[in-house]
Amino acid sequence: MANTPPQLSLQTTQKNSPTPLPQAPSSLTPPVTPIAKESNQEKTTPNLSQNKKLSQSQFASKENVSTLHFADDLEICRTDDNRPFEFGRGVWSIVYKARYTPSTTNLNPSTPPSSPTTQPQLLAVKAPLRRDANPVLKAEAATLTRLSRLPGHENHLVPFHGYHTELGALIMTAVPTSLATYIEAQAEQARIHRTTATMFDPVQGPASFRDLARKLITGLNWLHEVAGVVHGDIKPHNILLRPIETEGEEQTHAFEYEPLFADFSATVEIQTDVDKPLDTTRASMSSFTPPFTAPEMLASLMCSEMAPTAASDVFSLAATLLAAATGDLLLYSNMNHRLRLEMARAGHQIVDFARSGGSGCRVPRNGFVERLVQPAVVKDPTERISTAKWVELVSV
């Protein structure tokens, strides 16, 4: 990339001159979720063993995998006041809503051409707000390229269409609903329709919560066992929800969405070679959101050798499930920021902390939520439940 920030030199719904991408002052700051604005609450399968063998053969040649590039024309959607439509933004990244109309090419001149275009698709364009964020997005594009070539990726990842060189941006399918937004909506409905009959259940209902948990844990198992990566920043804002198409078929899903992992800017590879140096570059630049960050990660924030692990991913997903059950994205909502941070550093007590909050009745002792979360948040990371055993537990 040149030193001058790229301009949004794409088609727009207006015929005026292109609008430059917003810019921000310098100094690198962490990325945010590709879709959905974070609130002000906290800043900052089929045959898995066979798939694992397939993926391991691709790990060996990952250095030779070229990053997928997106070179087609985009139409950035605009608001009524002619501004680019934003799905959300963070300190150094911003996500625009865009349209893309794939062209159909007639390769046989002896037959009449078909319709010149197909149905437009909605896309999310994750672009940097600052030049020094470009290397992080390039690394994320390389990660998404590799993961998108693995079997089963379509069930667990936001679809990736490529890296846009001119914009320095990631092009993905637009999935506007995040798990964070869904949790807030379900919590509001639970408050409106609160009854003694449901006050001990997860806010979305027990069957829906169990289905959501099963899908998320299965997805994390895929990331660890098949893709061979640690996500590094799991939280409700980085999980997007794709509606399940049920037209013409009977609804068999208690949870009506497919949860998809997003924002792989903090992702690191699971090391199979113990002698290989640990790459902590991207991890050191990632954001940390208590209480979804494992306590050992919070304790090592000042350490240059820190990197997320499979065990820290397990903790983060467990905290996410606890937030989904209680409807509380803060988990320690009645505390000030300093106390919340101190409680997050004692994360192995997260179930007790959540139970003492206003929605603690939704985590009854020895209930399904506690049985599911507790083995994933134990103090010693080496003793936390593995994703394979967690899949078995959630399926019981």
Protein backbone atom coordinates (compact mmCIF):
# COMPACT_ATOMS: atom_id res chain seq x y z
CA MET A 1 0.00 0.00 0.00
CA ALA A 2 1.13 3.54 -0.68
CA ASN A 3 1.56 5.92 2.19
CA THR A 4 -1.51 7.88 1.09
CA PRO A 5 -4.73 6.27 2.39
CA PRO A 6 -6.79 4.75 -0.46
CA GLN A 7 -9.97 6.40 -1.61
CA LEU A 8 -13.30 4.70 -2.01
CA SER A 9 -13.10 4.89 -5.80
CA LEU A 10 -16.04 2.59 -6.38
CA GLN A 11 -19.51 2.90 -7.80
CA THR A 12 -22.02 4.45 -5.46
CA THR A 13 -25.72 5.07 -5.58
CA GLN A 14 -24.99 8.74 -6.22
CA LYS A 15 -23.32 10.10 -9.36
CA ASN A 16 -21.08 12.51 -7.56
CA SER A 17 -17.35 12.09 -7.03
CA PRO A 18 -16.01 9.22 -4.91
CA THR A 19 -15.96 9.71 -1.17
CA PRO A 20 -12.64 9.02 0.57
CA LEU A 21 -12.50 6.48 3.36
CA PRO A 22 -12.62 8.09 6.81
CA GLN A 23 -9.20 8.46 8.36
CA ALA A 24 -8.06 8.49 11.94
CA PRO A 25 -4.99 9.71 13.76
CA SER A 26 -1.99 7.38 14.08
CA SER A 27 -0.89 4.73 16.65
CA LEU A 28 -2.13 1.20 16.26
CA THR A 29 -5.21 0.20 18.15
CA PRO A 30 -7.10 -3.09 18.12
CA PRO A 31 -9.75 -4.21 15.64
CA VAL A 32 -13.38 -4.83 16.36
CA THR A 33 -15.99 -7.23 15.12
CA PRO A 34 -16.67 -7.04 11.37
CA ILE A 35 -20.41 -6.43 11.82
CA ALA A 36 -22.56 -4.74 14.42
CA LYS A 37 -21.55 -1.81 16.56
CA GLU A 38 -20.17 -2.61 19.97
CA SER A 39 -22.02 -0.97 22.78
CA ASN A 40 -20.36 1.33 25.27
CA GLN A 41 -20.61 -1.37 27.90
CA GLU A 42 -16.98 -2.48 27.51
CA LYS A 43 -14.41 -1.00 25.16
CA THR A 44 -11.60 -2.46 24.39
CA THR A 45 -19.92 -32.63 12.34
CA PRO A 46 -19.14 -34.63 9.94
CA ASN A 47 -16.14 -36.93 10.60
CA LEU A 48 -13.82 -34.48 12.32
CA SER A 49 -10.90 -36.91 12.43
CA GLN A 50 -11.00 -37.35 8.66
CA ASN A 51 -11.30 -33.61 8.12
CA LYS A 52 -8.37 -33.04 10.49
CA LYS A 53 -6.17 -35.27 8.34
CA LEU A 54 -7.22 -33.33 5.25
CA SER A 55 -6.51 -30.01 6.88
CA GLN A 56 -3.11 -31.08 8.25
CA SER A 57 -1.91 -31.80 4.74
CA GLN A 58 -2.87 -28.24 3.84
CA PHE A 59 -1.12 -26.80 6.90
CA ALA A 60 2.18 -28.11 5.58
CA SER A 61 1.86 -26.04 2.39
CA LYS A 62 0.13 -22.99 3.82
CA GLU A 63 3.07 -20.73 2.94
CA ASN A 64 2.32 -21.46 -0.72
CA VAL A 65 -1.35 -20.50 -0.48
CA SER A 66 -1.97 -17.20 -2.27
CA THR A 67 -4.36 -14.78 -0.62
CA LEU A 68 -7.73 -14.65 -2.35
CA HIS A 69 -8.26 -11.25 -3.96
CA PHE A 70 -11.49 -9.46 -4.83
CA ALA A 71 -11.14 -7.43 -8.04
CA ASP A 72 -14.77 -6.85 -9.08
CA ASP A 73 -16.69 -3.59 -8.86
CA LEU A 74 -18.54 -2.75 -5.67
CA GLU A 75 -21.37 -0.33 -5.08
CA ILE A 76 -21.05 1.18 -1.63
CA CYS A 77 -24.51 1.78 -0.18
CA ARG A 78 -25.21 5.29 1.03
CA THR A 79 -27.49 6.89 3.57
CA ASP A 80 -30.08 9.58 2.86
CA ASP A 81 -27.48 12.27 3.59
CA ASN A 82 -25.10 10.70 1.02
CA ARG A 83 -22.71 9.15 3.52
CA PRO A 84 -21.37 5.60 3.12
CA PHE A 85 -23.61 3.23 5.06
CA GLU A 86 -21.76 1.76 8.03
CA PHE A 87 -22.46 -1.57 9.66
CA GLY A 88 -20.12 -0.54 12.44
CA ARG A 89 -16.71 0.82 13.28
CA GLY A 90 -13.98 0.50 15.84
CA VAL A 91 -10.91 2.45 16.80
CA TRP A 92 -9.02 1.48 13.64
CA SER A 93 -11.43 -0.47 11.39
CA ILE A 94 -14.74 0.33 9.78
CA VAL A 95 -17.28 -1.86 7.99
CA TYR A 96 -19.32 -0.55 5.07
CA LYS A 97 -22.42 -2.02 3.53
CA ALA A 98 -21.97 -2.69 -0.20
CA ARG A 99 -23.68 -4.33 -3.14
CA TYR A 100 -22.07 -6.57 -5.68
CA THR A 101 -23.69 -7.89 -8.84
CA PRO A 102 -21.83 -10.89 -10.26
CA SER A 103 -21.60 -10.89 -14.04
CA THR A 104 -22.48 -13.99 -16.03
CA THR A 105 -20.23 -14.71 -18.99
CA ASN A 106 -21.41 -16.70 -22.00
CA LEU A 107 -18.47 -18.85 -23.03
CA ASN A 108 -20.26 -20.52 -25.99
CA PRO A 109 -20.79 -18.04 -28.88
CA SER A 110 -23.16 -20.43 -30.68
CA THR A 111 -25.81 -20.03 -28.01
CA PRO A 112 -27.70 -16.85 -27.14
CA PRO A 113 -26.46 -14.98 -24.08
CA SER A 114 -28.24 -15.41 -20.80
CA SER A 115 -29.25 -12.59 -18.52
CA PRO A 116 -26.20 -10.30 -18.16
CA THR A 117 -26.41 -10.13 -14.36
CA THR A 118 -27.60 -12.15 -11.44
CA GLN A 119 -29.24 -11.03 -8.22
CA PRO A 120 -27.15 -8.41 -6.35
CA GLN A 121 -25.49 -9.61 -3.17
CA LEU A 122 -25.05 -7.63 0.03
CA LEU A 123 -21.46 -7.47 1.20
CA ALA A 124 -19.55 -6.15 4.19
CA VAL A 125 -16.38 -4.22 3.42
CA LYS A 126 -14.03 -4.19 6.41
CA ALA A 127 -11.55 -1.39 5.75
CA PRO A 128 -8.77 0.15 7.83
CA LEU A 129 -9.20 3.56 9.42
CA ARG A 130 -5.43 4.02 9.56
CA ARG A 131 -2.46 3.00 7.45
CA ASP A 132 -0.73 1.02 10.16
CA ALA A 133 -3.74 -1.29 10.38
CA ASN A 134 -3.13 -2.56 6.84
CA PRO A 135 -0.71 -5.38 7.83
CA VAL A 136 -3.24 -6.76 10.31
CA LEU A 137 -6.00 -6.88 7.69
CA LYS A 138 -3.64 -8.47 5.18
CA ALA A 139 -2.77 -11.17 7.72
CA GLU A 140 -6.46 -11.70 8.45
CA ALA A 141 -7.12 -12.04 4.71
CA ALA A 142 -4.44 -14.72 4.46
CA THR A 143 -5.97 -16.59 7.40
CA LEU A 144 -9.49 -16.40 5.95
CA THR A 145 -8.23 -17.57 2.56
CA ARG A 146 -6.74 -20.71 4.08
CA LEU A 147 -9.68 -21.44 6.38
CA SER A 148 -12.18 -20.94 3.54
CA ARG A 149 -10.56 -23.80 1.63
CA LEU A 150 -11.11 -26.33 4.39
CA PRO A 151 -14.06 -28.73 4.45
CA GLY A 152 -16.91 -27.51 6.62
CA HIS A 153 -15.90 -23.84 6.69
CA GLU A 154 -19.27 -22.72 5.32
CA ASN A 155 -20.96 -23.89 8.55
CA HIS A 156 -18.74 -21.93 10.91
CA LEU A 157 -17.24 -18.84 9.23
CA VAL A 158 -18.64 -15.65 7.75
CA PRO A 159 -18.21 -16.16 3.96
CA PHE A 160 -15.03 -14.47 2.72
CA HIS A 161 -14.86 -13.16 -0.85
CA GLY A 162 -11.32 -11.83 -0.91
CA TYR A 163 -8.94 -8.99 -0.13
CA HIS A 164 -9.51 -5.70 -1.97
CA THR A 165 -6.04 -4.38 -2.71
CA GLU A 166 -7.07 -0.82 -3.58
CA LEU A 167 -9.01 -0.37 -0.35
CA GLY A 168 -6.86 -2.62 1.81
CA ALA A 169 -10.17 -4.17 2.87
CA LEU A 170 -11.70 -7.57 3.51
CA ILE A 171 -14.80 -8.39 1.47
CA MET A 172 -17.32 -10.65 3.21
CA THR A 173 -20.97 -11.57 2.94
CA ALA A 174 -23.05 -9.15 4.98
CA VAL A 175 -24.47 -10.79 8.10
CA PRO A 176 -25.90 -7.81 9.98
CA THR A 177 -27.08 -9.55 13.16
CA SER A 178 -24.59 -10.32 15.93
CA LEU A 179 -25.04 -12.60 18.90
CA ALA A 180 -24.64 -9.52 21.11
CA THR A 181 -27.65 -7.87 19.49
CA TYR A 182 -29.64 -11.09 19.78
CA ILE A 183 -28.81 -11.46 23.49
CA GLU A 184 -29.94 -7.91 24.21
CA ALA A 185 -33.22 -8.46 22.33
CA GLN A 186 -33.92 -11.73 24.14
CA ALA A 187 -33.14 -10.15 27.51
CA GLU A 188 -35.62 -7.37 26.78
CA GLN A 189 -38.32 -9.87 25.82
CA ALA A 190 -37.62 -11.86 28.98
CA ARG A 191 -38.06 -8.72 31.08
CA ILE A 192 -41.36 -7.90 29.39
CA HIS A 193 -42.76 -11.42 29.67
CA ARG A 194 -41.14 -12.45 32.95
CA THR A 195 -42.99 -15.22 34.78
CA THR A 196 -42.13 -17.55 37.62
CA ALA A 197 -42.43 -20.47 35.22
CA THR A 198 -39.47 -19.27 33.10
CA MET A 199 -37.35 -17.26 35.52
CA PHE A 200 -34.88 -20.13 35.99
CA ASP A 201 -34.42 -20.73 32.24
CA PRO A 202 -31.98 -19.04 29.84
CA VAL A 203 -33.57 -15.87 28.48
CA GLN A 204 -34.09 -17.40 25.02
CA GLY A 205 -35.57 -20.61 26.40
CA PRO A 206 -33.82 -23.88 27.30
CA ALA A 207 -34.21 -25.67 23.94
CA SER A 208 -32.98 -22.69 21.93
CA PHE A 209 -30.04 -22.13 24.29
CA ARG A 210 -29.01 -25.78 24.12
CA ASP A 211 -29.10 -25.68 20.30
CA LEU A 212 -27.08 -22.45 20.22
CA ALA A 213 -24.51 -23.92 22.62
CA ARG A 214 -24.19 -27.09 20.56
CA LYS A 215 -23.61 -25.12 17.35
CA LEU A 216 -21.05 -22.80 18.92
CA ILE A 217 -19.08 -25.56 20.63
CA THR A 218 -19.12 -27.63 17.44
CA GLY A 219 -17.82 -24.59 15.56
CA LEU A 220 -15.00 -24.04 18.04
CA ASN A 221 -14.11 -27.71 17.81
CA TRP A 222 -13.85 -27.26 14.03
CA LEU A 223 -11.53 -24.28 14.43
CA HIS A 224 -9.23 -26.15 16.80
CA GLU A 225 -9.31 -29.68 15.39
CA VAL A 226 -9.79 -29.11 11.66
CA ALA A 227 -8.53 -25.60 10.95
CA GLY A 228 -5.76 -25.81 13.54
CA VAL A 229 -6.19 -22.24 14.78
CA VAL A 230 -7.04 -20.39 17.96
CA HIS A 231 -9.56 -17.61 17.29
CA GLY A 232 -8.16 -15.37 20.02
CA ASP A 233 -11.06 -12.94 20.53
CA ILE A 234 -14.32 -14.84 21.05
CA LYS A 235 -17.17 -12.74 22.43
CA PRO A 236 -20.83 -12.15 21.49
CA HIS A 237 -19.89 -9.22 19.22
CA ASN A 238 -17.64 -11.46 17.10
CA ILE A 239 -20.28 -14.11 16.45
CA LEU A 240 -22.73 -13.31 13.65
CA LEU A 241 -26.08 -14.98 13.10
CA ARG A 242 -27.20 -16.17 9.67
CA PRO A 243 -30.93 -17.03 9.45
CA ILE A 244 -31.62 -20.66 8.62
CA GLU A 245 -33.57 -21.07 5.41
CA THR A 246 -36.71 -23.09 6.22
CA GLU A 247 -38.90 -22.35 3.22
CA GLY A 248 -40.60 -25.50 2.03
CA GLU A 249 -39.35 -27.62 4.91
CA GLU A 250 -40.35 -28.26 8.47
CA GLN A 251 -38.62 -26.17 11.13
CA THR A 252 -36.34 -28.54 13.02
CA HIS A 253 -34.00 -26.00 14.62
CA ALA A 254 -34.68 -24.79 18.13
CA PHE A 255 -32.25 -21.92 17.47
CA GLU A 256 -33.25 -20.31 14.21
CA TYR A 257 -29.77 -19.07 13.20
CA GLU A 258 -26.42 -20.49 12.22
CA PRO A 259 -23.77 -18.81 14.41
CA LEU A 260 -20.69 -17.84 12.38
CA PHE A 261 -17.33 -16.80 13.80
CA ALA A 262 -16.03 -13.42 12.62
CA ASP A 263 -13.01 -11.16 13.19
CA PHE A 264 -9.90 -13.31 12.86
CA SER A 265 -7.49 -10.43 13.44
CA ALA A 266 -6.12 -12.02 16.63
CA THR A 267 -5.98 -15.59 15.30
CA VAL A 268 -2.87 -17.71 15.84
CA GLU A 269 -2.02 -21.17 14.61
CA ILE A 270 -1.99 -24.09 17.01
CA GLN A 271 1.65 -25.12 17.18
CA THR A 272 2.46 -28.74 16.36
CA ASP A 273 6.22 -28.08 16.48
CA VAL A 274 7.20 -27.23 20.05
CA ASP A 275 10.56 -25.88 18.86
CA LYS A 276 8.99 -23.37 16.47
CA PRO A 277 8.99 -19.78 17.79
CA LEU A 278 5.58 -18.56 18.88
CA ASP A 279 4.16 -15.79 16.69
CA THR A 280 2.67 -13.26 19.10
CA THR A 281 2.55 -10.26 16.76
CA ARG A 282 -1.16 -10.29 16.00
CA ALA A 283 -2.11 -11.39 19.51
CA SER A 284 -0.26 -8.47 21.05
CA MET A 285 -2.28 -6.05 18.93
CA SER A 286 -5.67 -7.62 19.61
CA SER A 287 -8.35 -6.26 21.86
CA PHE A 288 -9.33 -7.78 25.18
CA THR A 289 -12.84 -7.52 26.56
CA PRO A 290 -13.38 -8.58 30.16
CA PRO A 291 -15.10 -10.81 31.19
CA PHE A 292 -14.78 -12.73 27.89
CA THR A 293 -10.98 -12.83 28.09
CA ALA A 294 -9.43 -15.76 29.95
CA PRO A 295 -7.85 -14.65 33.26
CA GLU A 296 -4.39 -15.93 32.29
CA MET A 297 -4.53 -13.65 29.24
CA LEU A 298 -5.49 -10.67 31.37
CA ALA A 299 -2.64 -11.46 33.72
CA SER A 300 -0.14 -11.43 30.85
CA LEU A 301 -1.23 -8.26 29.04
CA MET A 302 2.18 -6.69 29.61
CA CYS A 303 4.06 -9.79 28.45
CA SER A 304 5.51 -9.61 24.94
CA GLU A 305 5.36 -13.41 24.61
CA MET A 306 1.65 -13.78 25.25
CA ALA A 307 -0.63 -15.49 22.75
CA PRO A 308 -4.13 -16.95 23.03
CA THR A 309 -4.44 -20.70 23.36
CA ALA A 310 -7.10 -23.32 22.75
CA ALA A 311 -7.84 -23.20 26.49
CA SER A 312 -8.33 -19.43 26.43
CA ASP A 313 -10.74 -19.84 23.50
CA VAL A 314 -12.71 -22.39 25.54
CA PHE A 315 -12.95 -19.94 28.44
CA SER A 316 -14.09 -17.11 26.15
CA LEU A 317 -16.82 -19.21 24.58
CA ALA A 318 -17.99 -20.38 28.02
CA ALA A 319 -18.29 -16.74 29.13
CA THR A 320 -20.19 -16.00 25.91
CA LEU A 321 -22.63 -18.82 26.65
CA LEU A 322 -23.08 -17.53 30.19
CA ALA A 323 -23.94 -14.09 28.80
CA ALA A 324 -26.43 -15.71 26.42
CA ALA A 325 -28.09 -17.59 29.28
CA THR A 326 -28.38 -14.58 31.61
CA GLY A 327 -29.04 -11.95 28.94
CA ASP A 328 -26.30 -9.80 30.49
CA LEU A 329 -23.46 -8.80 28.16
CA LEU A 330 -21.49 -7.39 31.08
CA LEU A 331 -22.07 -10.41 33.35
CA TYR A 332 -20.96 -8.23 36.29
CA SER A 333 -23.36 -5.43 35.41
CA ASN A 334 -23.73 -3.84 38.85
CA MET A 335 -20.00 -3.21 39.23
CA ASN A 336 -17.83 -0.33 38.08
CA HIS A 337 -15.15 -0.91 35.46
CA ARG A 338 -12.32 -1.46 37.97
CA LEU A 339 -14.28 -4.07 39.93
CA ARG A 340 -15.37 -5.82 36.73
CA LEU A 341 -11.73 -6.08 35.70
CA GLU A 342 -10.76 -7.52 39.08
CA MET A 343 -13.58 -10.06 38.87
CA ALA A 344 -12.55 -10.98 35.33
CA ARG A 345 -9.03 -11.69 36.59
CA ALA A 346 -10.64 -14.23 38.93
CA GLY A 347 -12.50 -15.72 35.98
CA HIS A 348 -12.61 -19.24 37.42
CA GLN A 349 -15.37 -17.86 39.69
CA ILE A 350 -17.36 -16.49 36.78
CA VAL A 351 -20.38 -18.75 37.40
CA ASP A 352 -20.65 -17.62 41.02
CA PHE A 353 -20.19 -13.98 40.00
CA ALA A 354 -22.95 -14.27 37.39
CA ARG A 355 -25.22 -16.07 39.83
CA SER A 356 -24.91 -13.19 42.27
CA GLY A 357 -26.12 -10.71 39.65
CA GLY A 358 -29.63 -9.62 38.77
CA SER A 359 -30.12 -12.53 36.36
CA GLY A 360 -28.36 -15.11 38.50
CA CYS A 361 -31.53 -17.16 38.90
CA ARG A 362 -31.07 -18.22 35.27
CA VAL A 363 -27.96 -20.18 36.30
CA PRO A 364 -29.43 -22.57 38.88
CA ARG A 365 -27.06 -24.80 40.81
CA ASN A 366 -26.37 -28.10 39.05
CA GLY A 367 -28.51 -26.93 36.12
CA PHE A 368 -27.60 -27.36 32.45
CA VAL A 369 -25.91 -23.96 32.14
CA GLU A 370 -23.64 -24.53 35.13
CA ARG A 371 -22.77 -28.09 34.05
CA LEU A 372 -21.86 -26.80 30.60
CA VAL A 373 -19.84 -23.74 31.64
CA GLN A 374 -18.05 -24.86 34.81
CA PRO A 375 -15.54 -27.34 33.27
CA ALA A 376 -14.59 -24.72 30.67
CA VAL A 377 -13.60 -22.00 33.15
CA VAL A 378 -11.47 -23.83 35.72
CA LYS A 379 -8.47 -21.85 36.95
CA ASP A 380 -5.74 -24.06 35.48
CA PRO A 381 -5.97 -23.77 31.67
CA THR A 382 -4.51 -27.25 31.23
CA GLU A 383 -7.45 -28.73 33.12
CA ARG A 384 -10.20 -27.07 31.09
CA ILE A 385 -12.42 -29.31 29.03
CA SER A 386 -11.30 -29.99 25.46
CA THR A 387 -13.61 -29.01 22.63
CA ALA A 388 -14.07 -32.67 21.63
CA LYS A 389 -15.30 -33.59 25.12
CA TRP A 390 -17.31 -30.38 25.27
CA VAL A 391 -19.21 -31.43 22.11
CA GLU A 392 -20.07 -34.70 23.85
CA LEU A 393 -21.20 -32.88 26.99
CA VAL A 394 -23.51 -30.45 25.18
CA SER A 395 -25.03 -33.31 23.20
CA VAL A 396 -26.07 -35.33 26.26
